């Protein structure tokens, strides 16, 4: 892991295709602000490598010989919680997006995307937030039947908007002139309607379903 104040980020590549992983290492090595910290071709070897290298970012292929990219993401984050995981996929549906949020993935990009886009995603990814490439988000939203899209009340949408902006319950309650207990009730209702387990996940689901302006 990069030392504090060092602008260079250590990056590990994980792919079941050795040539692809090697090419990514070469591409990362050609950047002044990124440093290739090695590559792995299986989930097991990726976890072992990351445990030792403690990389700042990990690029993970969605398909691996002994599991999938989300399995790898969950296990890597278990040993390096601060790592930024960029998952490459051929095209997710609703389940993949949900699992990506739950796993703590920081970026979701198409395998067919550009190298420049991937490098930019490595640089901009942040733990605790997930960026999804538009080409993956739109098909996932279209895959949801209209009757599956939750209906939020006007007040629930207001609360959700504050959550999306990073406000906590006390701040949101003051802004909407409601009690904190009432605000918590709205948050609980939002989580239930979206099938989310946390406020962060609720915001990610709402964005995916285009419930936020």
N, C-alpha and C. Protein backbone atom coordinates (compact mmCIF):
# COMPACT_ATOMS: atom_id res chain seq x y z
N UNK A 1 0.85 -1.20 0.00
CA UNK A 1 0.00 0.00 0.00
C UNK A 1 0.87 1.23 0.00
N UNK A 2 0.45 2.26 -0.71
CA UNK A 2 1.23 3.47 -0.81
C UNK A 2 1.35 4.14 0.54
N UNK A 3 2.49 4.71 0.78
CA UNK A 3 2.67 5.44 2.02
C UNK A 3 1.86 6.72 1.97
N UNK A 4 1.46 7.24 3.15
CA UNK A 4 0.68 8.46 3.19
C UNK A 4 1.46 9.59 2.54
N UNK A 5 0.79 10.34 1.72
CA UNK A 5 1.43 11.45 1.06
C UNK A 5 2.05 11.07 -0.27
N UNK A 6 2.16 9.77 -0.53
CA UNK A 6 2.70 9.31 -1.79
C UNK A 6 1.57 9.25 -2.81
N UNK A 7 1.73 9.92 -3.94
CA UNK A 7 0.66 10.00 -4.93
C UNK A 7 0.55 8.75 -5.78
N UNK A 8 1.50 7.83 -5.66
CA UNK A 8 1.50 6.62 -6.49
C UNK A 8 0.64 5.55 -5.83
N UNK A 9 -0.31 4.98 -6.58
CA UNK A 9 -1.17 3.92 -6.06
C UNK A 9 -0.70 2.56 -6.54
N UNK A 10 -0.59 1.61 -5.61
CA UNK A 10 -0.23 0.23 -5.96
C UNK A 10 -1.48 -0.50 -6.46
N UNK A 11 -1.35 -1.16 -7.60
CA UNK A 11 -2.51 -1.80 -8.24
C UNK A 11 -2.22 -3.27 -8.52
N UNK A 12 -3.14 -4.13 -8.13
CA UNK A 12 -3.06 -5.57 -8.42
C UNK A 12 -4.09 -5.91 -9.48
N UNK A 13 -3.72 -6.74 -10.43
CA UNK A 13 -4.63 -7.19 -11.48
C UNK A 13 -5.02 -8.65 -11.23
N UNK A 14 -6.30 -8.96 -11.39
CA UNK A 14 -6.79 -10.33 -11.19
C UNK A 14 -7.61 -10.74 -12.41
N UNK A 15 -7.15 -11.75 -13.12
CA UNK A 15 -7.87 -12.23 -14.30
C UNK A 15 -7.52 -13.68 -14.56
N UNK A 16 -8.52 -14.44 -15.02
CA UNK A 16 -8.27 -15.83 -15.37
C UNK A 16 -7.47 -15.96 -16.65
N UNK A 17 -7.31 -14.86 -17.37
CA UNK A 17 -6.52 -14.85 -18.61
C UNK A 17 -5.16 -14.21 -18.32
N UNK A 18 -4.14 -15.05 -18.28
CA UNK A 18 -2.81 -14.56 -17.92
C UNK A 18 -2.33 -13.44 -18.83
N UNK A 19 -2.54 -13.57 -20.13
CA UNK A 19 -2.07 -12.54 -21.05
C UNK A 19 -2.75 -11.20 -20.77
N UNK A 20 -4.05 -11.24 -20.49
CA UNK A 20 -4.80 -10.03 -20.20
C UNK A 20 -4.25 -9.35 -18.94
N UNK A 21 -3.98 -10.16 -17.92
CA UNK A 21 -3.44 -9.61 -16.68
C UNK A 21 -2.06 -8.99 -16.89
N UNK A 22 -1.24 -9.66 -17.69
CA UNK A 22 0.10 -9.14 -17.97
C UNK A 22 0.03 -7.82 -18.75
N UNK A 23 -0.89 -7.74 -19.69
CA UNK A 23 -1.05 -6.52 -20.47
C UNK A 23 -1.51 -5.36 -19.59
N UNK A 24 -2.41 -5.66 -18.66
CA UNK A 24 -2.87 -4.63 -17.74
C UNK A 24 -1.72 -4.15 -16.85
N UNK A 25 -0.89 -5.09 -16.42
CA UNK A 25 0.28 -4.72 -15.61
C UNK A 25 1.18 -3.76 -16.38
N UNK A 26 1.40 -4.07 -17.66
CA UNK A 26 2.24 -3.21 -18.49
C UNK A 26 1.61 -1.83 -18.64
N UNK A 27 0.30 -1.80 -18.84
CA UNK A 27 -0.39 -0.51 -19.01
C UNK A 27 -0.31 0.32 -17.74
N UNK A 28 -0.51 -0.32 -16.61
CA UNK A 28 -0.43 0.39 -15.33
C UNK A 28 0.99 0.87 -15.07
N UNK A 29 1.97 0.01 -15.43
CA UNK A 29 3.37 0.37 -15.23
C UNK A 29 3.81 1.57 -16.05
N UNK A 30 3.06 1.88 -17.09
CA UNK A 30 3.41 3.02 -17.93
C UNK A 30 2.86 4.34 -17.41
N UNK A 31 2.17 4.29 -16.25
CA UNK A 31 1.60 5.51 -15.68
C UNK A 31 2.50 6.03 -14.54
N UNK A 32 2.64 7.32 -14.46
CA UNK A 32 3.51 7.89 -13.42
C UNK A 32 2.88 7.83 -12.03
N UNK A 33 1.55 7.74 -11.97
CA UNK A 33 0.88 7.75 -10.66
C UNK A 33 0.35 6.38 -10.24
N UNK A 34 0.63 5.35 -11.04
CA UNK A 34 0.18 3.99 -10.71
C UNK A 34 1.37 3.04 -10.76
N UNK A 35 1.34 2.05 -9.88
CA UNK A 35 2.43 1.08 -9.82
C UNK A 35 1.87 -0.34 -9.80
N UNK A 36 2.24 -1.19 -10.77
CA UNK A 36 1.74 -2.58 -10.78
C UNK A 36 2.34 -3.37 -9.63
N UNK A 37 1.47 -3.92 -8.78
CA UNK A 37 1.93 -4.67 -7.61
C UNK A 37 1.80 -6.17 -7.83
N UNK A 38 1.61 -6.59 -9.09
CA UNK A 38 1.52 -8.00 -9.40
C UNK A 38 0.15 -8.38 -9.94
N UNK A 39 0.05 -9.64 -10.38
CA UNK A 39 -1.25 -10.12 -10.86
C UNK A 39 -1.49 -11.54 -10.38
N UNK A 40 -2.77 -11.92 -10.37
CA UNK A 40 -3.17 -13.25 -9.95
C UNK A 40 -4.19 -13.78 -10.96
N UNK A 41 -4.29 -15.11 -11.07
CA UNK A 41 -5.20 -15.70 -12.06
C UNK A 41 -6.33 -16.51 -11.43
N UNK A 42 -6.37 -16.58 -10.10
CA UNK A 42 -7.45 -17.28 -9.40
C UNK A 42 -7.86 -16.46 -8.18
N UNK A 43 -9.01 -16.79 -7.60
CA UNK A 43 -9.46 -16.12 -6.39
C UNK A 43 -8.47 -16.36 -5.26
N UNK A 44 -8.06 -17.62 -5.10
CA UNK A 44 -7.15 -17.98 -4.01
C UNK A 44 -5.83 -17.22 -4.10
N UNK A 45 -5.25 -17.21 -5.28
CA UNK A 45 -3.95 -16.53 -5.43
C UNK A 45 -4.11 -15.02 -5.30
N UNK A 46 -5.27 -14.50 -5.69
CA UNK A 46 -5.53 -13.06 -5.56
C UNK A 46 -5.59 -12.65 -4.09
N UNK A 47 -6.27 -13.44 -3.29
CA UNK A 47 -6.38 -13.14 -1.86
C UNK A 47 -4.99 -13.19 -1.21
N UNK A 48 -4.21 -14.20 -1.56
CA UNK A 48 -2.87 -14.34 -0.99
C UNK A 48 -1.98 -13.17 -1.40
N UNK A 49 -2.05 -12.79 -2.67
CA UNK A 49 -1.23 -11.68 -3.17
C UNK A 49 -1.61 -10.37 -2.49
N UNK A 50 -2.91 -10.11 -2.39
CA UNK A 50 -3.36 -8.86 -1.78
C UNK A 50 -3.07 -8.80 -0.29
N UNK A 51 -3.13 -9.94 0.37
CA UNK A 51 -2.81 -9.97 1.80
C UNK A 51 -1.38 -9.54 2.04
N UNK A 52 -0.50 -9.89 1.11
CA UNK A 52 0.90 -9.52 1.27
C UNK A 52 1.23 -8.15 0.73
N UNK A 53 0.62 -7.79 -0.40
CA UNK A 53 0.95 -6.51 -1.05
C UNK A 53 0.14 -5.33 -0.53
N UNK A 54 -1.04 -5.61 0.05
CA UNK A 54 -1.93 -4.56 0.54
C UNK A 54 -2.09 -3.43 -0.48
N UNK A 55 -2.58 -3.74 -1.67
CA UNK A 55 -2.67 -2.73 -2.74
C UNK A 55 -3.71 -1.66 -2.44
N UNK A 56 -3.54 -0.53 -3.12
CA UNK A 56 -4.53 0.55 -3.00
C UNK A 56 -5.75 0.24 -3.86
N UNK A 57 -5.53 -0.42 -4.99
CA UNK A 57 -6.62 -0.75 -5.92
C UNK A 57 -6.40 -2.14 -6.51
N UNK A 58 -7.52 -2.79 -6.82
CA UNK A 58 -7.47 -4.13 -7.43
C UNK A 58 -8.45 -4.18 -8.59
N UNK A 59 -7.94 -4.51 -9.77
CA UNK A 59 -8.79 -4.69 -10.94
C UNK A 59 -9.12 -6.17 -11.06
N UNK A 60 -10.41 -6.51 -11.05
CA UNK A 60 -10.83 -7.91 -11.00
C UNK A 60 -11.69 -8.26 -12.20
N UNK A 61 -11.28 -9.30 -12.92
CA UNK A 61 -12.07 -9.86 -14.02
C UNK A 61 -13.30 -10.53 -13.41
N UNK A 62 -14.45 -10.40 -14.06
CA UNK A 62 -15.67 -10.97 -13.51
C UNK A 62 -15.71 -12.48 -13.46
N UNK A 63 -14.90 -13.16 -14.28
CA UNK A 63 -14.91 -14.61 -14.34
C UNK A 63 -13.53 -15.16 -14.04
N UNK A 64 -13.45 -16.04 -13.04
CA UNK A 64 -12.17 -16.64 -12.64
C UNK A 64 -12.35 -18.16 -12.55
N UNK A 65 -11.26 -18.93 -12.68
CA UNK A 65 -11.37 -20.39 -12.70
C UNK A 65 -12.00 -20.99 -11.45
N UNK A 66 -11.77 -20.36 -10.28
CA UNK A 66 -12.26 -20.93 -9.03
C UNK A 66 -13.34 -20.07 -8.37
N UNK A 67 -14.00 -19.25 -9.15
CA UNK A 67 -15.07 -18.40 -8.61
C UNK A 67 -15.34 -17.24 -9.54
N UNK A 68 -16.07 -16.25 -9.04
CA UNK A 68 -16.30 -15.07 -9.88
C UNK A 68 -15.66 -13.84 -9.25
N UNK A 69 -15.72 -12.74 -9.98
CA UNK A 69 -15.08 -11.53 -9.51
C UNK A 69 -15.64 -11.02 -8.20
N UNK A 70 -16.92 -11.24 -7.96
CA UNK A 70 -17.52 -10.78 -6.72
C UNK A 70 -17.05 -11.60 -5.52
N UNK A 71 -16.82 -12.90 -5.76
CA UNK A 71 -16.23 -13.73 -4.70
C UNK A 71 -14.85 -13.18 -4.34
N UNK A 72 -14.08 -12.87 -5.37
CA UNK A 72 -12.74 -12.34 -5.16
C UNK A 72 -12.80 -11.01 -4.43
N UNK A 73 -13.73 -10.14 -4.83
CA UNK A 73 -13.85 -8.82 -4.21
C UNK A 73 -14.13 -8.94 -2.71
N UNK A 74 -15.08 -9.79 -2.36
CA UNK A 74 -15.44 -9.96 -0.95
C UNK A 74 -14.27 -10.46 -0.13
N UNK A 75 -13.54 -11.43 -0.66
CA UNK A 75 -12.43 -12.02 0.09
C UNK A 75 -11.22 -11.08 0.15
N UNK A 76 -11.00 -10.32 -0.91
CA UNK A 76 -9.89 -9.36 -0.90
C UNK A 76 -10.17 -8.27 0.12
N UNK A 77 -11.40 -7.76 0.14
CA UNK A 77 -11.75 -6.70 1.08
C UNK A 77 -11.73 -7.19 2.53
N UNK A 78 -11.87 -8.49 2.72
CA UNK A 78 -11.78 -9.05 4.07
C UNK A 78 -10.36 -8.95 4.62
N UNK A 79 -9.37 -8.98 3.71
CA UNK A 79 -7.97 -8.90 4.17
C UNK A 79 -7.37 -7.51 3.96
N UNK A 80 -7.93 -6.75 3.00
CA UNK A 80 -7.47 -5.37 2.76
C UNK A 80 -8.72 -4.48 2.63
N UNK A 81 -9.34 -4.11 3.74
CA UNK A 81 -10.60 -3.35 3.71
C UNK A 81 -10.52 -2.02 2.99
N UNK A 82 -9.35 -1.43 2.92
CA UNK A 82 -9.22 -0.11 2.29
C UNK A 82 -9.03 -0.18 0.78
N UNK A 83 -8.90 -1.39 0.23
CA UNK A 83 -8.66 -1.53 -1.22
C UNK A 83 -9.87 -1.06 -2.02
N UNK A 84 -9.58 -0.45 -3.16
CA UNK A 84 -10.62 -0.03 -4.09
C UNK A 84 -10.73 -1.12 -5.16
N UNK A 85 -11.89 -1.76 -5.24
CA UNK A 85 -12.08 -2.87 -6.18
C UNK A 85 -12.77 -2.37 -7.44
N UNK A 86 -12.14 -2.58 -8.59
CA UNK A 86 -12.74 -2.25 -9.87
C UNK A 86 -13.10 -3.58 -10.54
N UNK A 87 -14.37 -3.84 -10.71
CA UNK A 87 -14.83 -5.11 -11.29
C UNK A 87 -15.15 -4.94 -12.76
N UNK A 88 -14.58 -5.82 -13.58
CA UNK A 88 -14.85 -5.81 -15.02
C UNK A 88 -15.88 -6.90 -15.33
N UNK A 89 -16.92 -6.55 -16.06
CA UNK A 89 -17.98 -7.50 -16.33
C UNK A 89 -18.45 -7.40 -17.78
N UNK A 90 -19.05 -8.48 -18.27
CA UNK A 90 -19.56 -8.49 -19.64
C UNK A 90 -20.94 -7.87 -19.74
N UNK A 91 -21.56 -7.56 -18.61
CA UNK A 91 -22.89 -6.93 -18.64
C UNK A 91 -23.76 -7.45 -17.52
N UNK A 92 -23.87 -6.69 -16.42
CA UNK A 92 -24.61 -7.18 -15.26
C UNK A 92 -26.11 -7.00 -15.37
N UNK A 93 -26.81 -7.82 -14.62
CA UNK A 93 -28.23 -7.63 -14.43
C UNK A 93 -28.42 -7.07 -13.03
N UNK A 94 -29.64 -7.11 -12.57
CA UNK A 94 -29.96 -6.53 -11.27
C UNK A 94 -29.20 -7.24 -10.15
N UNK A 95 -29.09 -8.57 -10.22
CA UNK A 95 -28.44 -9.33 -9.15
C UNK A 95 -26.96 -8.97 -9.03
N UNK A 96 -26.29 -8.81 -10.15
CA UNK A 96 -24.87 -8.48 -10.12
C UNK A 96 -24.65 -7.12 -9.48
N UNK A 97 -25.49 -6.16 -9.83
CA UNK A 97 -25.37 -4.83 -9.23
C UNK A 97 -25.61 -4.89 -7.72
N UNK A 98 -26.61 -5.65 -7.32
CA UNK A 98 -26.90 -5.78 -5.89
C UNK A 98 -25.72 -6.41 -5.16
N UNK A 99 -25.18 -7.47 -5.71
CA UNK A 99 -24.05 -8.15 -5.08
C UNK A 99 -22.82 -7.26 -5.05
N UNK A 100 -22.64 -6.47 -6.10
CA UNK A 100 -21.49 -5.57 -6.15
C UNK A 100 -21.56 -4.54 -5.03
N UNK A 101 -22.75 -4.01 -4.79
CA UNK A 101 -22.93 -3.05 -3.71
C UNK A 101 -22.64 -3.72 -2.37
N UNK A 102 -23.21 -4.90 -2.17
CA UNK A 102 -23.02 -5.61 -0.91
C UNK A 102 -21.56 -5.99 -0.69
N UNK A 103 -20.86 -6.32 -1.76
CA UNK A 103 -19.46 -6.73 -1.64
C UNK A 103 -18.53 -5.56 -1.35
N UNK A 104 -18.99 -4.35 -1.65
CA UNK A 104 -18.14 -3.18 -1.42
C UNK A 104 -17.31 -2.77 -2.61
N UNK A 105 -17.74 -3.21 -3.82
CA UNK A 105 -17.03 -2.85 -5.04
C UNK A 105 -17.08 -1.33 -5.25
N UNK A 106 -15.96 -0.74 -5.67
CA UNK A 106 -15.89 0.71 -5.87
C UNK A 106 -16.21 1.13 -7.29
N UNK A 107 -16.02 0.22 -8.25
CA UNK A 107 -16.28 0.57 -9.64
C UNK A 107 -16.71 -0.64 -10.44
N UNK A 108 -17.67 -0.45 -11.34
CA UNK A 108 -18.16 -1.53 -12.19
C UNK A 108 -18.05 -1.06 -13.63
N UNK A 109 -17.19 -1.74 -14.41
CA UNK A 109 -16.91 -1.33 -15.78
C UNK A 109 -17.12 -2.48 -16.76
N UNK A 110 -17.43 -2.17 -18.01
CA UNK A 110 -17.59 -3.23 -19.01
C UNK A 110 -16.23 -3.74 -19.49
N UNK A 111 -16.14 -5.05 -19.74
CA UNK A 111 -14.91 -5.62 -20.28
C UNK A 111 -14.56 -5.00 -21.62
N UNK A 112 -15.57 -4.52 -22.34
CA UNK A 112 -15.35 -3.95 -23.67
C UNK A 112 -14.95 -2.48 -23.62
N UNK A 113 -14.81 -1.94 -22.41
CA UNK A 113 -14.48 -0.53 -22.28
C UNK A 113 -13.05 -0.22 -22.67
N UNK A 114 -12.72 1.06 -22.65
CA UNK A 114 -11.39 1.50 -23.07
C UNK A 114 -10.38 1.39 -21.94
N UNK A 115 -9.12 1.27 -22.30
CA UNK A 115 -8.05 1.23 -21.32
C UNK A 115 -7.99 2.54 -20.55
N UNK A 116 -8.17 3.65 -21.26
CA UNK A 116 -8.15 4.95 -20.61
C UNK A 116 -9.24 5.07 -19.56
N UNK A 117 -10.43 4.52 -19.87
CA UNK A 117 -11.53 4.56 -18.92
C UNK A 117 -11.22 3.75 -17.67
N UNK A 118 -10.54 2.61 -17.85
CA UNK A 118 -10.16 1.78 -16.72
C UNK A 118 -9.14 2.50 -15.84
N UNK A 119 -8.15 3.10 -16.44
CA UNK A 119 -7.12 3.81 -15.68
C UNK A 119 -7.74 4.97 -14.91
N UNK A 120 -8.67 5.67 -15.54
CA UNK A 120 -9.36 6.77 -14.86
C UNK A 120 -10.16 6.26 -13.67
N UNK A 121 -10.80 5.09 -13.85
CA UNK A 121 -11.60 4.51 -12.78
C UNK A 121 -10.72 4.11 -11.60
N UNK A 122 -9.55 3.59 -11.88
CA UNK A 122 -8.61 3.22 -10.81
C UNK A 122 -8.25 4.46 -9.99
N UNK A 123 -8.01 5.55 -10.68
CA UNK A 123 -7.61 6.79 -10.00
C UNK A 123 -8.76 7.41 -9.20
N UNK A 124 -9.97 7.36 -9.73
CA UNK A 124 -11.08 8.08 -9.12
C UNK A 124 -11.89 7.26 -8.11
N UNK A 125 -11.73 5.94 -8.12
CA UNK A 125 -12.53 5.08 -7.23
C UNK A 125 -12.25 5.42 -5.77
N UNK A 126 -13.30 5.34 -4.96
CA UNK A 126 -13.20 5.61 -3.53
C UNK A 126 -13.92 4.52 -2.74
N UNK A 127 -13.32 4.06 -1.63
CA UNK A 127 -14.00 3.07 -0.80
C UNK A 127 -15.32 3.62 -0.27
N UNK A 128 -16.33 2.78 -0.17
CA UNK A 128 -17.61 3.21 0.37
C UNK A 128 -18.56 3.81 -0.64
N UNK A 129 -18.10 3.91 -1.89
CA UNK A 129 -18.97 4.44 -2.95
C UNK A 129 -18.74 3.60 -4.20
N UNK A 130 -19.78 3.43 -4.99
CA UNK A 130 -19.63 2.63 -6.20
C UNK A 130 -20.03 3.42 -7.43
N UNK A 131 -19.13 3.46 -8.40
CA UNK A 131 -19.40 4.10 -9.69
C UNK A 131 -19.69 3.02 -10.73
N UNK A 132 -20.80 3.16 -11.43
CA UNK A 132 -21.20 2.18 -12.44
C UNK A 132 -21.18 2.85 -13.81
N UNK A 133 -20.52 2.21 -14.77
CA UNK A 133 -20.47 2.76 -16.13
C UNK A 133 -21.89 2.81 -16.69
N UNK A 134 -22.28 3.91 -17.33
CA UNK A 134 -23.65 4.06 -17.85
C UNK A 134 -24.10 2.91 -18.74
N UNK A 135 -23.19 2.33 -19.52
CA UNK A 135 -23.58 1.26 -20.43
C UNK A 135 -24.02 0.01 -19.68
N UNK A 136 -23.64 -0.10 -18.41
CA UNK A 136 -24.05 -1.25 -17.60
C UNK A 136 -25.28 -0.93 -16.77
N UNK A 137 -25.43 0.33 -16.41
CA UNK A 137 -26.53 0.72 -15.55
C UNK A 137 -27.87 0.70 -16.26
N UNK A 138 -27.93 1.23 -17.48
CA UNK A 138 -29.20 1.32 -18.20
C UNK A 138 -29.82 -0.05 -18.48
N UNK A 139 -29.04 -1.05 -19.00
CA UNK A 139 -29.65 -2.36 -19.22
C UNK A 139 -30.16 -3.00 -17.94
N UNK A 140 -29.44 -2.74 -16.82
CA UNK A 140 -29.86 -3.33 -15.55
C UNK A 140 -31.19 -2.74 -15.11
N UNK A 141 -31.35 -1.44 -15.30
CA UNK A 141 -32.62 -0.81 -14.93
C UNK A 141 -33.74 -1.33 -15.80
N UNK A 142 -33.48 -1.49 -17.10
CA UNK A 142 -34.51 -1.99 -18.01
C UNK A 142 -34.91 -3.42 -17.70
N UNK A 143 -34.02 -4.17 -17.03
CA UNK A 143 -34.33 -5.57 -16.73
C UNK A 143 -35.31 -5.70 -15.58
N UNK A 144 -35.57 -4.60 -14.89
CA UNK A 144 -36.50 -4.63 -13.76
C UNK A 144 -37.91 -4.35 -14.27
N UNK A 145 -38.84 -5.22 -13.97
CA UNK A 145 -40.23 -5.02 -14.39
C UNK A 145 -40.82 -3.83 -13.65
N UNK A 146 -41.75 -3.14 -14.28
CA UNK A 146 -42.31 -1.93 -13.68
C UNK A 146 -42.94 -2.20 -12.33
N UNK A 147 -43.57 -3.35 -12.16
CA UNK A 147 -44.20 -3.64 -10.88
C UNK A 147 -43.17 -3.94 -9.79
N UNK A 148 -41.91 -4.14 -10.16
CA UNK A 148 -40.88 -4.40 -9.16
C UNK A 148 -40.24 -3.11 -8.67
N UNK A 149 -40.47 -2.00 -9.37
CA UNK A 149 -39.89 -0.75 -8.95
C UNK A 149 -40.68 -0.20 -7.77
N UNK A 150 -40.04 0.01 -6.62
CA UNK A 150 -40.77 0.46 -5.43
C UNK A 150 -41.31 1.87 -5.60
N UNK A 151 -42.46 2.13 -4.98
CA UNK A 151 -43.07 3.45 -5.01
C UNK A 151 -42.78 4.13 -3.68
N UNK A 152 -42.07 5.24 -3.73
CA UNK A 152 -41.74 5.99 -2.52
C UNK A 152 -42.67 7.20 -2.40
N UNK A 153 -43.02 7.52 -1.16
CA UNK A 153 -43.83 8.71 -0.93
C UNK A 153 -42.97 9.96 -1.15
N UNK A 154 -43.62 11.11 -1.23
CA UNK A 154 -42.89 12.37 -1.42
C UNK A 154 -41.88 12.58 -0.30
N UNK A 155 -42.29 12.33 0.94
CA UNK A 155 -41.39 12.53 2.08
C UNK A 155 -40.23 11.53 2.05
N UNK A 156 -40.52 10.29 1.67
CA UNK A 156 -39.45 9.29 1.57
C UNK A 156 -38.43 9.69 0.52
N UNK A 157 -38.90 10.27 -0.58
CA UNK A 157 -37.97 10.74 -1.62
C UNK A 157 -37.11 11.89 -1.10
N UNK A 158 -37.72 12.76 -0.30
CA UNK A 158 -36.96 13.87 0.28
C UNK A 158 -35.86 13.34 1.20
N UNK A 159 -36.23 12.39 2.05
CA UNK A 159 -35.25 11.80 2.97
C UNK A 159 -34.15 11.11 2.19
N UNK A 160 -34.54 10.37 1.16
CA UNK A 160 -33.57 9.64 0.34
C UNK A 160 -32.59 10.60 -0.34
N UNK A 161 -33.10 11.74 -0.78
CA UNK A 161 -32.24 12.73 -1.43
C UNK A 161 -31.18 13.24 -0.46
N UNK A 162 -31.58 13.49 0.79
CA UNK A 162 -30.61 13.93 1.79
C UNK A 162 -29.58 12.84 2.07
N UNK A 163 -30.02 11.59 2.13
CA UNK A 163 -29.09 10.48 2.35
C UNK A 163 -28.08 10.41 1.21
N UNK A 164 -28.56 10.61 -0.01
CA UNK A 164 -27.69 10.54 -1.18
C UNK A 164 -26.64 11.65 -1.15
N UNK A 165 -26.97 12.76 -0.49
CA UNK A 165 -26.04 13.88 -0.38
C UNK A 165 -25.08 13.72 0.80
N UNK A 166 -25.23 12.61 1.55
CA UNK A 166 -24.32 12.33 2.65
C UNK A 166 -24.79 12.83 4.00
N UNK A 167 -26.03 13.29 4.10
CA UNK A 167 -26.55 13.79 5.38
C UNK A 167 -26.91 12.63 6.30
N UNK A 168 -26.71 12.85 7.61
CA UNK A 168 -27.12 11.84 8.58
C UNK A 168 -28.55 12.11 9.03
N UNK A 169 -29.08 11.26 9.90
CA UNK A 169 -30.47 11.40 10.33
C UNK A 169 -30.73 12.72 11.05
N UNK A 170 -29.91 13.14 12.03
CA UNK A 170 -30.16 14.41 12.70
C UNK A 170 -30.20 15.60 11.73
N UNK A 171 -29.25 15.64 10.80
CA UNK A 171 -29.21 16.74 9.82
C UNK A 171 -30.44 16.73 8.93
N UNK A 172 -30.82 15.53 8.47
CA UNK A 172 -31.99 15.41 7.60
C UNK A 172 -33.26 15.81 8.34
N UNK A 173 -33.38 15.38 9.59
CA UNK A 173 -34.57 15.72 10.40
C UNK A 173 -34.70 17.23 10.58
N UNK A 174 -33.58 17.90 10.87
CA UNK A 174 -33.63 19.36 11.04
C UNK A 174 -34.03 20.05 9.73
N UNK A 175 -33.46 19.59 8.62
CA UNK A 175 -33.74 20.22 7.33
C UNK A 175 -35.21 20.08 6.94
N UNK A 176 -35.81 18.94 7.30
CA UNK A 176 -37.20 18.68 6.92
C UNK A 176 -38.18 19.08 8.03
N UNK A 177 -37.62 19.58 9.16
CA UNK A 177 -38.45 20.00 10.29
C UNK A 177 -39.31 18.87 10.83
N UNK A 178 -38.69 17.70 10.99
CA UNK A 178 -39.36 16.55 11.58
C UNK A 178 -38.48 16.01 12.70
N UNK A 179 -39.04 15.15 13.56
CA UNK A 179 -38.25 14.60 14.65
C UNK A 179 -37.29 13.53 14.12
N UNK A 180 -36.25 13.26 14.88
CA UNK A 180 -35.30 12.23 14.47
C UNK A 180 -35.97 10.86 14.42
N UNK A 181 -36.87 10.59 15.35
CA UNK A 181 -37.57 9.30 15.34
C UNK A 181 -38.42 9.15 14.08
N UNK A 182 -39.07 10.24 13.67
CA UNK A 182 -39.87 10.20 12.44
C UNK A 182 -38.96 9.97 11.24
N UNK A 183 -37.81 10.64 11.24
CA UNK A 183 -36.87 10.49 10.14
C UNK A 183 -36.36 9.05 10.07
N UNK A 184 -36.05 8.47 11.24
CA UNK A 184 -35.60 7.07 11.26
C UNK A 184 -36.68 6.15 10.72
N UNK A 185 -37.94 6.49 10.99
CA UNK A 185 -39.04 5.69 10.46
C UNK A 185 -39.07 5.72 8.94
N UNK A 186 -38.83 6.90 8.38
CA UNK A 186 -38.78 7.01 6.92
C UNK A 186 -37.61 6.21 6.35
N UNK A 187 -36.46 6.29 7.02
CA UNK A 187 -35.28 5.55 6.56
C UNK A 187 -35.57 4.05 6.59
N UNK A 188 -36.20 3.60 7.67
CA UNK A 188 -36.54 2.17 7.79
C UNK A 188 -37.48 1.75 6.66
N UNK A 189 -38.45 2.60 6.35
CA UNK A 189 -39.40 2.29 5.28
C UNK A 189 -38.70 2.25 3.92
N UNK A 190 -37.76 3.19 3.71
CA UNK A 190 -37.01 3.23 2.44
C UNK A 190 -36.20 1.95 2.27
N UNK A 191 -35.52 1.54 3.34
CA UNK A 191 -34.70 0.32 3.27
C UNK A 191 -35.56 -0.89 2.95
N UNK A 192 -36.74 -0.96 3.58
CA UNK A 192 -37.63 -2.10 3.36
C UNK A 192 -38.14 -2.13 1.92
N UNK A 193 -38.54 -0.97 1.40
CA UNK A 193 -39.08 -0.91 0.04
C UNK A 193 -38.02 -1.24 -1.02
N UNK A 194 -36.78 -0.83 -0.75
CA UNK A 194 -35.72 -1.06 -1.73
C UNK A 194 -35.02 -2.40 -1.51
N UNK A 195 -35.34 -3.08 -0.41
CA UNK A 195 -34.68 -4.35 -0.12
C UNK A 195 -33.21 -4.15 0.21
N UNK A 196 -32.90 -3.02 0.84
CA UNK A 196 -31.51 -2.68 1.15
C UNK A 196 -31.21 -2.97 2.62
N UNK A 197 -29.93 -3.20 2.91
CA UNK A 197 -29.51 -3.50 4.27
C UNK A 197 -28.79 -2.33 4.93
N UNK A 198 -28.56 -1.27 4.19
CA UNK A 198 -27.88 -0.10 4.74
C UNK A 198 -28.30 1.14 3.94
N UNK A 199 -28.02 2.31 4.50
CA UNK A 199 -28.36 3.55 3.79
C UNK A 199 -27.55 3.68 2.51
N UNK A 200 -26.26 3.28 2.56
CA UNK A 200 -25.42 3.33 1.37
C UNK A 200 -25.98 2.45 0.27
N UNK A 201 -26.41 1.26 0.63
CA UNK A 201 -26.98 0.35 -0.36
C UNK A 201 -28.29 0.89 -0.90
N UNK A 202 -29.10 1.50 -0.04
CA UNK A 202 -30.36 2.07 -0.48
C UNK A 202 -30.14 3.16 -1.52
N UNK A 203 -29.15 4.01 -1.29
CA UNK A 203 -28.85 5.07 -2.24
C UNK A 203 -28.39 4.49 -3.57
N UNK A 204 -27.53 3.45 -3.50
CA UNK A 204 -27.04 2.82 -4.73
C UNK A 204 -28.19 2.19 -5.51
N UNK A 205 -29.10 1.51 -4.82
CA UNK A 205 -30.25 0.90 -5.48
C UNK A 205 -31.15 1.97 -6.09
N UNK A 206 -31.37 3.05 -5.34
CA UNK A 206 -32.24 4.12 -5.83
C UNK A 206 -31.67 4.76 -7.09
N UNK A 207 -30.37 4.95 -7.12
CA UNK A 207 -29.74 5.51 -8.32
C UNK A 207 -29.88 4.55 -9.49
N UNK A 208 -29.71 3.27 -9.21
CA UNK A 208 -29.82 2.27 -10.28
C UNK A 208 -31.23 2.26 -10.86
N UNK A 209 -32.22 2.46 -10.01
CA UNK A 209 -33.61 2.44 -10.45
C UNK A 209 -34.10 3.82 -10.89
N UNK A 210 -33.18 4.78 -10.89
CA UNK A 210 -33.49 6.14 -11.32
C UNK A 210 -34.58 6.78 -10.45
N UNK A 211 -34.52 6.51 -9.15
CA UNK A 211 -35.47 7.11 -8.21
C UNK A 211 -34.97 8.44 -7.69
N UNK A 212 -33.71 8.74 -7.98
CA UNK A 212 -33.13 10.02 -7.58
C UNK A 212 -32.97 10.90 -8.81
N UNK A 213 -33.26 12.18 -8.65
CA UNK A 213 -33.14 13.10 -9.78
C UNK A 213 -31.68 13.28 -10.16
